[in-house]
Amino acid sequence: MDNTQHMVNELLKPINQFLQCETPDSWIDEAIKPDNLIPLLVDHCNCELKASQTAMFMVRKYAVDKQSGAALMAWAKPYEDFVYGGNDRSTVDFHSKKNGLLAPLTPRSDFSHGQELIDKMVRLIKEEFHHFEQVLEIMDKRGIPYSNLHAGRYAKGLMKAVRTHEPATLIDKLIVGAYIEARSCERFAKLAPYLDPELKKFYISLLRSEARHYQDYLTLAEKIAGTNIADRIRAIGSKEAELVTTPDDTFRFHSGIPATTAACV
């Protein structure tokens, strides 16, 4: 076993214990079809941006004052200008590599876990912005235009399991974040052997950060809850497993098994 495969196996051990099921082979078979490379990369690109936006929303809603919230919005503006303003790379200045956060964030006094939420989520946001840029660069090299694909059912389905009163809402959203990051990590690893050398190397390079993001979300959920949350982890994990193992009409990075395949079983 080479060093890379050993690294992958070690990173996946806790991921596979956390997830309640593996990605079905039928999804892998669909994902590696040549016709699905474009939607796979475009949706992956969108997922990276959505991950940063979700983390940013949590920080703004729960952890920082209004001035710090405005600084976060300014950080996101170039990416949102690109996505919602015509997809012209020449008109925006992405800045994830030099962070782009122009001021320190001030935690709110009424949330005791504010600084920890800020620290973990700011690092995650920076990395997700960078991953978004990396996928765009790969797409550019391959002549694949960016498009804002409509979302699949996965994230919305998970949010249906979130409780509607605080702090339970925040705790459940953090658990949802952990599952999304863990599933992403698992799928990157499963897809990598079937991809061309450039994509294989890129997807393997994402595993370490995705695995850490899952751990960060879960650690925050446990600390903020201050009590055992195993029942919530199981409940949300059960919903997540249902979403990836049941028929899905739309192919996306986090979609379930292809509906056409399910119909033939």
C-alpha atoms as a PDB file:
ATOM      1  CA  MET A   1       0.000   0.000   0.000  1.00  0.00           C
ATOM      2  CA  ASP A   2       1.470   3.374  -0.997  1.00  0.00           C
ATOM      3  CA  ASN A   3       1.563   6.400   1.310  1.00  0.00           C
ATOM      4  CA  THR A   4      -1.336   8.140  -0.447  1.00  0.00           C
ATOM      5  CA  GLN A   5      -3.675   5.179  -0.075  1.00  0.00           C
ATOM      6  CA  HIS A   6      -2.650   4.783   3.566  1.00  0.00           C
ATOM      7  CA  MET A   7      -3.489   8.460   4.167  1.00  0.00           C
ATOM      8  CA  VAL A   8      -6.864   8.048   2.475  1.00  0.00           C
ATOM      9  CA  ASN A   9      -7.689   4.965   4.538  1.00  0.00           C
ATOM     10  CA  GLU A  10      -6.768   6.670   7.799  1.00  0.00           C
ATOM     11  CA  LEU A  11      -8.832   9.769   6.998  1.00  0.00           C
ATOM     12  CA  LEU A  12     -11.841   7.660   6.057  1.00  0.00           C
ATOM     13  CA  LYS A  13     -11.938   5.497   9.190  1.00  0.00           C
ATOM     14  CA  PRO A  14     -13.857   7.993  11.361  1.00  0.00           C
ATOM     15  CA  ILE A  15     -15.882   9.180   8.346  1.00  0.00           C
ATOM     16  CA  ASN A  16     -17.122   5.677   7.596  1.00  0.00           C
ATOM     17  CA  GLN A  17     -17.969   5.110  11.256  1.00  0.00           C
ATOM     18  CA  PHE A  18     -19.937   8.362  11.321  1.00  0.00           C
ATOM     19  CA  LEU A  19     -21.936   7.847   8.125  1.00  0.00           C
ATOM     20  CA  GLN A  20     -24.750   5.323   8.384  1.00  0.00           C
ATOM     21  CA  CYS A  21     -24.210   3.947   4.873  1.00  0.00           C
ATOM     22  CA  GLU A  22     -21.748   3.959   1.998  1.00  0.00           C
ATOM     23  CA  THR A  23     -22.451   5.699  -1.266  1.00  0.00           C
ATOM     24  CA  PRO A  24     -24.225   3.093  -3.433  1.00  0.00           C
ATOM     25  CA  ASP A  25     -22.288   1.695  -6.400  1.00  0.00           C
ATOM     26  CA  SER A  26     -25.116   2.798  -8.705  1.00  0.00           C
ATOM     27  CA  TRP A  27     -24.352   6.453  -7.894  1.00  0.00           C
ATOM     28  CA  ILE A  28     -20.660   5.915  -8.633  1.00  0.00           C
ATOM     29  CA  ASP A  29     -21.575   4.224 -11.934  1.00  0.00           C
ATOM     30  CA  GLU A  30     -23.671   7.258 -12.854  1.00  0.00           C
ATOM     31  CA  ALA A  31     -21.095   9.797 -11.712  1.00  0.00           C
ATOM     32  CA  ILE A  32     -18.274   8.392 -13.830  1.00  0.00           C
ATOM     33  CA  LYS A  33     -20.226   8.455 -17.090  1.00  0.00           C
ATOM     34  CA  PRO A  34     -18.499  10.913 -19.471  1.00  0.00           C
ATOM     35  CA  ASP A  35     -21.766  12.808 -19.989  1.00  0.00           C
ATOM     36  CA  ASN A  36     -21.956  13.518 -16.256  1.00  0.00           C
ATOM     37  CA  LEU A  37     -18.505  15.061 -15.853  1.00  0.00           C
ATOM     38  CA  ILE A  38     -19.846  18.552 -16.585  1.00  0.00           C
ATOM     39  CA  PRO A  39     -22.767  18.474 -14.120  1.00  0.00           C
ATOM     40  CA  LEU A  40     -20.490  16.801 -11.559  1.00  0.00           C
ATOM     41  CA  LEU A  41     -17.903  19.589 -11.708  1.00  0.00           C
ATOM     42  CA  VAL A  42     -20.446  22.408 -11.952  1.00  0.00           C
ATOM     43  CA  ASP A  43     -22.405  21.096  -8.982  1.00  0.00           C
ATOM     44  CA  HIS A  44     -19.198  20.507  -7.024  1.00  0.00           C
ATOM     45  CA  CYS A  45     -18.258  24.135  -7.701  1.00  0.00           C
ATOM     46  CA  ASN A  46     -21.660  25.315  -6.468  1.00  0.00           C
ATOM     47  CA  CYS A  47     -21.405  23.086  -3.383  1.00  0.00           C
ATOM     48  CA  GLU A  48     -18.128  24.720  -2.359  1.00  0.00           C
ATOM     49  CA  LEU A  49     -19.708  28.168  -2.506  1.00  0.00           C
ATOM     50  CA  LYS A  50     -22.848  27.016  -0.687  1.00  0.00           C
ATOM     51  CA  ALA A  51     -20.683  25.529   2.069  1.00  0.00           C
ATOM     52  CA  SER A  52     -18.966  28.877   2.583  1.00  0.00           C
ATOM     53  CA  GLN A  53     -22.284  30.745   2.534  1.00  0.00           C
ATOM     54  CA  THR A  54     -23.825  28.378   5.081  1.00  0.00           C
ATOM     55  CA  ALA A  55     -20.891  28.754   7.460  1.00  0.00           C
ATOM     56  CA  MET A  56     -20.950  32.525   7.001  1.00  0.00           C
ATOM     57  CA  PHE A  57     -24.666  32.666   7.791  1.00  0.00           C
ATOM     58  CA  MET A  58     -24.086  30.773  11.044  1.00  0.00           C
ATOM     59  CA  VAL A  59     -21.361  33.165  12.130  1.00  0.00           C
ATOM     60  CA  ARG A  60     -23.441  36.219  11.254  1.00  0.00           C
ATOM     61  CA  LYS A  61     -26.604  34.900  12.924  1.00  0.00           C
ATOM     62  CA  TYR A  62     -25.141  33.510  16.121  1.00  0.00           C
ATOM     63  CA  ALA A  63     -21.629  34.738  16.817  1.00  0.00           C
ATOM     64  CA  VAL A  64     -20.820  38.305  15.756  1.00  0.00           C
ATOM     65  CA  ASP A  65     -22.016  41.883  16.013  1.00  0.00           C
ATOM     66  CA  LYS A  66     -23.466  43.899  13.121  1.00  0.00           C
ATOM     67  CA  GLN A  67     -20.141  45.476  12.098  1.00  0.00           C
ATOM     68  CA  SER A  68     -18.465  42.073  11.921  1.00  0.00           C
ATOM     69  CA  GLY A  69     -21.408  40.751   9.940  1.00  0.00           C
ATOM     70  CA  ALA A  70     -20.826  43.505   7.394  1.00  0.00           C
ATOM     71  CA  ALA A  71     -17.150  42.516   7.139  1.00  0.00           C
ATOM     72  CA  LEU A  72     -18.202  38.953   6.369  1.00  0.00           C
ATOM     73  CA  MET A  73     -20.588  40.139   3.671  1.00  0.00           C
ATOM     74  CA  ALA A  74     -17.785  42.185   2.074  1.00  0.00           C
ATOM     75  CA  TRP A  75     -15.582  39.078   2.094  1.00  0.00           C
ATOM     76  CA  ALA A  76     -18.228  37.117   0.196  1.00  0.00           C
ATOM     77  CA  LYS A  77     -19.092  39.868  -2.279  1.00  0.00           C
ATOM     78  CA  PRO A  78     -16.641  38.990  -5.096  1.00  0.00           C
ATOM     79  CA  TYR A  79     -17.855  35.399  -5.153  1.00  0.00           C
ATOM     80  CA  GLU A  80     -21.515  36.371  -5.120  1.00  0.00           C
ATOM     81  CA  ASP A  81     -20.882  39.033  -7.792  1.00  0.00           C
ATOM     82  CA  PHE A  82     -19.437  36.312 -10.002  1.00  0.00           C
ATOM     83  CA  VAL A  83     -22.260  33.820  -9.412  1.00  0.00           C
ATOM     84  CA  TYR A  84     -25.160  36.254  -9.610  1.00  0.00           C
ATOM     85  CA  GLY A  85     -23.656  38.897 -11.883  1.00  0.00           C
ATOM     86  CA  GLY A  86     -22.932  37.152 -15.167  1.00  0.00           C
ATOM     87  CA  ASN A  87     -20.098  34.723 -14.343  1.00  0.00           C
ATOM     88  CA  ASP A  88     -17.410  36.987 -15.825  1.00  0.00           C
ATOM     89  CA  ARG A  89     -14.054  36.217 -14.187  1.00  0.00           C
ATOM     90  CA  SER A  90     -12.525  39.437 -15.564  1.00  0.00           C
ATOM     91  CA  THR A  91     -14.857  41.622 -13.492  1.00  0.00           C
ATOM     92  CA  VAL A  92     -14.166  40.095 -10.065  1.00  0.00           C
ATOM     93  CA  ASP A  93     -11.124  39.791  -7.846  1.00  0.00           C
ATOM     94  CA  PHE A  94     -11.215  36.561  -5.895  1.00  0.00           C
ATOM     95  CA  HIS A  95      -9.052  36.795  -2.832  1.00  0.00           C
ATOM     96  CA  SER A  96      -9.325  33.606  -0.784  1.00  0.00           C
ATOM     97  CA  LYS A  97      -5.578  32.939  -0.977  1.00  0.00           C
ATOM     98  CA  LYS A  98      -4.883  36.239   0.788  1.00  0.00           C
ATOM     99  CA  ASN A  99      -7.918  35.692   3.040  1.00  0.00           C
ATOM    100  CA  GLY A 100      -9.879  38.797   2.058  1.00  0.00           C
ATOM    101  CA  LEU A 101     -11.386  39.287   5.511  1.00  0.00           C
ATOM    102  CA  LEU A 102     -10.610  42.954   6.050  1.00  0.00           C
ATOM    103  CA  ALA A 103     -11.220  43.275   9.791  1.00  0.00           C
ATOM    104  CA  PRO A 104     -11.121  41.076  12.903  1.00  0.00           C
ATOM    105  CA  LEU A 105     -14.498  39.719  13.938  1.00  0.00           C
ATOM    106  CA  THR A 106     -15.958  40.681  17.292  1.00  0.00           C
ATOM    107  CA  PRO A 107     -17.896  37.933  19.100  1.00  0.00           C
ATOM    108  CA  ARG A 108     -21.238  38.800  20.628  1.00  0.00           C
ATOM    109  CA  SER A 109     -21.310  38.955  24.414  1.00  0.00           C
ATOM    110  CA  ASP A 110     -24.487  36.864  24.703  1.00  0.00           C
ATOM    111  CA  PHE A 111     -23.083  33.706  23.078  1.00  0.00           C
ATOM    112  CA  SER A 112     -20.376  31.952  25.063  1.00  0.00           C
ATOM    113  CA  HIS A 113     -19.148  29.831  22.151  1.00  0.00           C
ATOM    114  CA  GLY A 114     -18.878  32.768  19.760  1.00  0.00           C
ATOM    115  CA  GLN A 115     -15.091  32.903  19.445  1.00  0.00           C
ATOM    116  CA  GLU A 116     -14.780  29.178  18.825  1.00  0.00           C
ATOM    117  CA  LEU A 117     -17.535  29.282  16.207  1.00  0.00           C
ATOM    118  CA  ILE A 118     -15.791  32.220  14.546  1.00  0.00           C
ATOM    119  CA  ASP A 119     -12.376  30.546  14.553  1.00  0.00           C
ATOM    120  CA  LYS A 120     -13.537  27.246  13.062  1.00  0.00           C
ATOM    121  CA  MET A 121     -15.976  28.701  10.552  1.00  0.00           C
ATOM    122  CA  VAL A 122     -13.652  31.442   9.266  1.00  0.00           C
ATOM    123  CA  ARG A 123     -11.030  28.814   8.461  1.00  0.00           C
ATOM    124  CA  LEU A 124     -13.686  26.679   6.782  1.00  0.00           C
ATOM    125  CA  ILE A 125     -15.021  29.636   4.762  1.00  0.00           C
ATOM    126  CA  LYS A 126     -11.540  30.528   3.534  1.00  0.00           C
ATOM    127  CA  GLU A 127     -10.899  26.942   2.434  1.00  0.00           C
ATOM    128  CA  GLU A 128     -14.266  26.588   0.714  1.00  0.00           C
ATOM    129  CA  PHE A 129     -13.725  29.832  -1.207  1.00  0.00           C
ATOM    130  CA  HIS A 130     -10.330  28.504  -2.296  1.00  0.00           C
ATOM    131  CA  HIS A 131     -11.844  25.164  -3.367  1.00  0.00           C
ATOM    132  CA  PHE A 132     -14.489  27.066  -5.356  1.00  0.00           C
ATOM    133  CA  GLU A 133     -11.694  28.881  -7.203  1.00  0.00           C
ATOM    134  CA  GLN A 134      -9.814  25.625  -7.793  1.00  0.00           C
ATOM    135  CA  VAL A 135     -12.837  23.920  -9.360  1.00  0.00           C
ATOM    136  CA  LEU A 136     -13.452  26.990 -11.535  1.00  0.00           C
ATOM    137  CA  GLU A 137      -9.856  26.818 -12.766  1.00  0.00           C
ATOM    138  CA  ILE A 138     -10.252  23.147 -13.688  1.00  0.00           C
ATOM    139  CA  MET A 139     -13.502  23.930 -15.491  1.00  0.00           C
ATOM    140  CA  ASP A 140     -11.874  26.823 -17.357  1.00  0.00           C
ATOM    141  CA  LYS A 141      -9.052  24.593 -18.566  1.00  0.00           C
ATOM    142  CA  ARG A 142     -11.587  22.097 -19.865  1.00  0.00           C
ATOM    143  CA  GLY A 143     -13.820  24.673 -21.514  1.00  0.00           C
ATOM    144  CA  ILE A 144     -16.689  23.999 -19.103  1.00  0.00           C
ATOM    145  CA  PRO A 145     -18.762  27.140 -18.469  1.00  0.00           C
ATOM    146  CA  TYR A 146     -19.945  27.916 -14.953  1.00  0.00           C
ATOM    147  CA  SER A 147     -23.689  27.766 -14.360  1.00  0.00           C
ATOM    148  CA  ASN A 148     -25.761  28.075 -11.222  1.00  0.00           C
ATOM    149  CA  LEU A 149     -27.452  24.657 -11.332  1.00  0.00           C
ATOM    150  CA  HIS A 150     -30.632  24.316  -9.328  1.00  0.00           C
ATOM    151  CA  ALA A 151     -30.026  22.439  -6.114  1.00  0.00           C
ATOM    152  CA  GLY A 152     -30.965  18.820  -5.644  1.00  0.00           C
ATOM    153  CA  ARG A 153     -33.022  17.488  -2.767  1.00  0.00           C
ATOM    154  CA  TYR A 154     -30.137  16.559  -0.449  1.00  0.00           C
ATOM    155  CA  ALA A 155     -29.519  19.698   1.629  1.00  0.00           C
ATOM    156  CA  LYS A 156     -33.208  20.608   1.761  1.00  0.00           C
ATOM    157  CA  GLY A 157     -34.025  17.071   2.828  1.00  0.00           C
ATOM    158  CA  LEU A 158     -31.528  17.250   5.672  1.00  0.00           C
ATOM    159  CA  MET A 159     -32.877  20.615   6.818  1.00  0.00           C
ATOM    160  CA  LYS A 160     -36.312  19.030   7.263  1.00  0.00           C
ATOM    161  CA  ALA A 161     -34.820  17.111  10.192  1.00  0.00           C
ATOM    162  CA  VAL A 162     -33.673  20.299  11.951  1.00  0.00           C
ATOM    163  CA  ARG A 163     -35.620  21.327  15.046  1.00  0.00           C
ATOM    164  CA  THR A 164     -37.183  24.785  15.053  1.00  0.00           C
ATOM    165  CA  HIS A 165     -36.286  26.136  18.502  1.00  0.00           C
ATOM    166  CA  GLU A 166     -32.941  27.411  19.758  1.00  0.00           C
ATOM    167  CA  PRO A 167     -30.363  26.276  20.679  1.00  0.00           C
ATOM    168  CA  ALA A 168     -31.620  23.017  19.139  1.00  0.00           C
ATOM    169  CA  THR A 169     -31.758  24.616  15.674  1.00  0.00           C
ATOM    170  CA  LEU A 170     -28.085  25.601  15.770  1.00  0.00           C
ATOM    171  CA  ILE A 171     -27.032  22.217  17.157  1.00  0.00           C
ATOM    172  CA  ASP A 172     -28.927  20.359  14.445  1.00  0.00           C
ATOM    173  CA  LYS A 173     -27.578  22.646  11.693  1.00  0.00           C
ATOM    174  CA  LEU A 174     -24.059  21.904  12.872  1.00  0.00           C
ATOM    175  CA  ILE A 175     -24.780  18.169  12.750  1.00  0.00           C
ATOM    176  CA  VAL A 176     -26.186  18.598   9.239  1.00  0.00           C
ATOM    177  CA  GLY A 177     -22.974  20.405   8.300  1.00  0.00           C
ATOM    178  CA  ALA A 178     -20.957  17.505   9.673  1.00  0.00           C
ATOM    179  CA  TYR A 179     -22.879  15.008   7.542  1.00  0.00           C
ATOM    180  CA  ILE A 180     -22.542  17.071   4.364  1.00  0.00           C
ATOM    181  CA  GLU A 181     -18.785  17.406   4.835  1.00  0.00           C
ATOM    182  CA  ALA A 182     -18.392  13.725   5.751  1.00  0.00           C
ATOM    183  CA  ARG A 183     -20.375  12.597   2.696  1.00  0.00           C
ATOM    184  CA  SER A 184     -18.336  14.904   0.472  1.00  0.00           C
ATOM    185  CA  CYS A 185     -15.131  13.402   1.823  1.00  0.00           C
ATOM    186  CA  GLU A 186     -16.403   9.854   1.285  1.00  0.00           C
ATOM    187  CA  ARG A 187     -17.497  10.584  -2.289  1.00  0.00           C
ATOM    188  CA  PHE A 188     -14.252  12.321  -3.230  1.00  0.00           C
ATOM    189  CA  ALA A 189     -12.394   9.197  -2.117  1.00  0.00           C
ATOM    190  CA  LYS A 190     -14.753   6.813  -3.915  1.00  0.00           C
ATOM    191  CA  LEU A 191     -14.671   8.797  -7.160  1.00  0.00           C
ATOM    192  CA  ALA A 192     -10.935   9.478  -7.304  1.00  0.00           C
ATOM    193  CA  PRO A 193      -9.804   6.060  -8.658  1.00  0.00           C
ATOM    194  CA  TYR A 194     -12.122   6.423 -11.690  1.00  0.00           C
ATOM    195  CA  LEU A 195     -11.083   9.946 -12.681  1.00  0.00           C
ATOM    196  CA  ASP A 196      -8.349  11.277 -14.928  1.00  0.00           C
ATOM    197  CA  PRO A 197      -5.004  12.047 -13.221  1.00  0.00           C
ATOM    198  CA  GLU A 198      -5.687  15.773 -12.714  1.00  0.00           C
ATOM    199  CA  LEU A 199      -9.081  15.255 -11.089  1.00  0.00           C
ATOM    200  CA  LYS A 200      -7.890  12.256  -9.094  1.00  0.00           C
ATOM    201  CA  LYS A 201      -5.046  14.290  -7.592  1.00  0.00           C
ATOM    202  CA  PHE A 202      -7.358  17.217  -6.891  1.00  0.00           C
ATOM    203  CA  TYR A 203     -10.062  15.145  -5.203  1.00  0.00           C
ATOM    204  CA  ILE A 204      -7.546  13.363  -3.001  1.00  0.00           C
ATOM    205  CA  SER A 205      -6.082  16.744  -2.057  1.00  0.00           C
ATOM    206  CA  LEU A 206      -9.506  17.797  -0.705  1.00  0.00           C
ATOM    207  CA  LEU A 207      -9.893  14.880   1.689  1.00  0.00           C
ATOM    208  CA  ARG A 208      -7.932  16.270   4.612  1.00  0.00           C
ATOM    209  CA  SER A 209      -9.797  19.584   4.784  1.00  0.00           C
ATOM    210  CA  GLU A 210     -13.214  17.945   4.281  1.00  0.00           C
ATOM    211  CA  ALA A 211     -12.481  15.490   7.081  1.00  0.00           C
ATOM    212  CA  ARG A 212     -11.461  18.339   9.386  1.00  0.00           C
ATOM    213  CA  HIS A 213     -14.588  20.332   8.481  1.00  0.00           C
ATOM    214  CA  TYR A 214     -16.774  17.386   9.518  1.00  0.00           C
ATOM    215  CA  GLN A 215     -14.919  17.157  12.847  1.00  0.00           C
ATOM    216  CA  ASP A 216     -15.175  20.913  13.426  1.00  0.00           C
ATOM    217  CA  TYR A 217     -18.934  20.921  12.885  1.00  0.00           C
ATOM    218  CA  LEU A 218     -19.411  17.947  15.183  1.00  0.00           C
ATOM    219  CA  THR A 219     -17.154  19.344  17.912  1.00  0.00           C
ATOM    220  CA  LEU A 220     -19.061  22.634  17.891  1.00  0.00           C
ATOM    221  CA  ALA A 221     -22.421  20.830  18.064  1.00  0.00           C
ATOM    222  CA  GLU A 222     -21.290  18.805  21.092  1.00  0.00           C
ATOM    223  CA  LYS A 223     -19.823  21.803  22.947  1.00  0.00           C
ATOM    224  CA  ILE A 224     -22.794  24.077  22.341  1.00  0.00           C
ATOM    225  CA  ALA A 225     -25.235  21.346  23.382  1.00  0.00           C
ATOM    226  CA  GLY A 226     -23.304  20.654  26.571  1.00  0.00           C
ATOM    227  CA  THR A 227     -24.940  17.243  26.738  1.00  0.00           C
ATOM    228  CA  ASN A 228     -24.994  13.963  24.848  1.00  0.00           C
ATOM    229  CA  ILE A 229     -26.295  14.470  21.311  1.00  0.00           C
ATOM    230  CA  ALA A 230     -25.975  10.899  20.078  1.00  0.00           C
ATOM    231  CA  ASP A 231     -29.729  10.679  19.494  1.00  0.00           C
ATOM    232  CA  ARG A 232     -29.694  13.751  17.230  1.00  0.00           C
ATOM    233  CA  ILE A 233     -26.649  12.458  15.357  1.00  0.00           C
ATOM    234  CA  ARG A 234     -28.443   9.152  14.756  1.00  0.00           C
ATOM    235  CA  ALA A 235     -31.698  10.819  13.693  1.00  0.00           C
ATOM    236  CA  ILE A 236     -30.081  13.194  11.214  1.00  0.00           C
ATOM    237  CA  GLY A 237     -27.753  10.439  10.022  1.00  0.00           C
ATOM    238  CA  SER A 238     -30.737   8.221   9.315  1.00  0.00           C
ATOM    239  CA  LYS A 239     -32.269  10.947   7.156  1.00  0.00           C
ATOM    240  CA  GLU A 240     -28.958  11.458   5.378  1.00  0.00           C
ATOM    241  CA  ALA A 241     -28.648   7.739   4.618  1.00  0.00           C
ATOM    242  CA  GLU A 242     -32.206   7.685   3.294  1.00  0.00           C
ATOM    243  CA  LEU A 243     -31.446  10.556   0.915  1.00  0.00           C
ATOM    244  CA  VAL A 244     -28.382   8.878  -0.601  1.00  0.00           C
ATOM    245  CA  THR A 245     -29.857   5.379  -0.907  1.00  0.00           C
ATOM    246  CA  THR A 246     -33.273   6.169  -2.396  1.00  0.00           C
ATOM    247  CA  PRO A 247     -34.143   7.025  -6.019  1.00  0.00           C
ATOM    248  CA  ASP A 248     -33.386  10.558  -7.175  1.00  0.00           C
ATOM    249  CA  ASP A 249     -34.522  12.125 -10.444  1.00  0.00           C
ATOM    250  CA  THR A 250     -31.695  14.676 -10.518  1.00  0.00           C
ATOM    251  CA  PHE A 251     -27.983  13.812 -10.687  1.00  0.00           C
ATOM    252  CA  ARG A 252     -25.941  15.928  -8.317  1.00  0.00           C
ATOM    253  CA  PHE A 253     -22.805  15.509  -6.227  1.00  0.00           C
ATOM    254  CA  HIS A 254     -24.920  14.528  -3.205  1.00  0.00           C
ATOM    255  CA  SER A 255     -27.843  12.913  -5.014  1.00  0.00           C
ATOM    256  CA  GLY A 256     -29.351   9.515  -4.279  1.00  0.00           C
ATOM    257  CA  ILE A 257     -29.338   6.502  -6.541  1.00  0.00           C
ATOM    258  CA  PRO A 258     -30.353   7.174 -10.167  1.00  0.00           C
ATOM    259  CA  ALA A 259     -34.102   6.766 -10.557  1.00  0.00           C
ATOM    260  CA  THR A 260     -33.630   4.866 -13.819  1.00  0.00           C
ATOM    261  CA  THR A 261     -31.409   2.340 -12.081  1.00  0.00           C
ATOM    262  CA  ALA A 262     -33.868   1.900  -9.232  1.00  0.00           C
ATOM    263  CA  ALA A 263     -36.681   1.278 -11.694  1.00  0.00           C
ATOM    264  CA  CYS A 264     -34.770  -1.667 -13.153  1.00  0.00           C
ATOM    265  CA  VAL A 265     -34.121  -3.378  -9.841  1.00  0.00           C
END
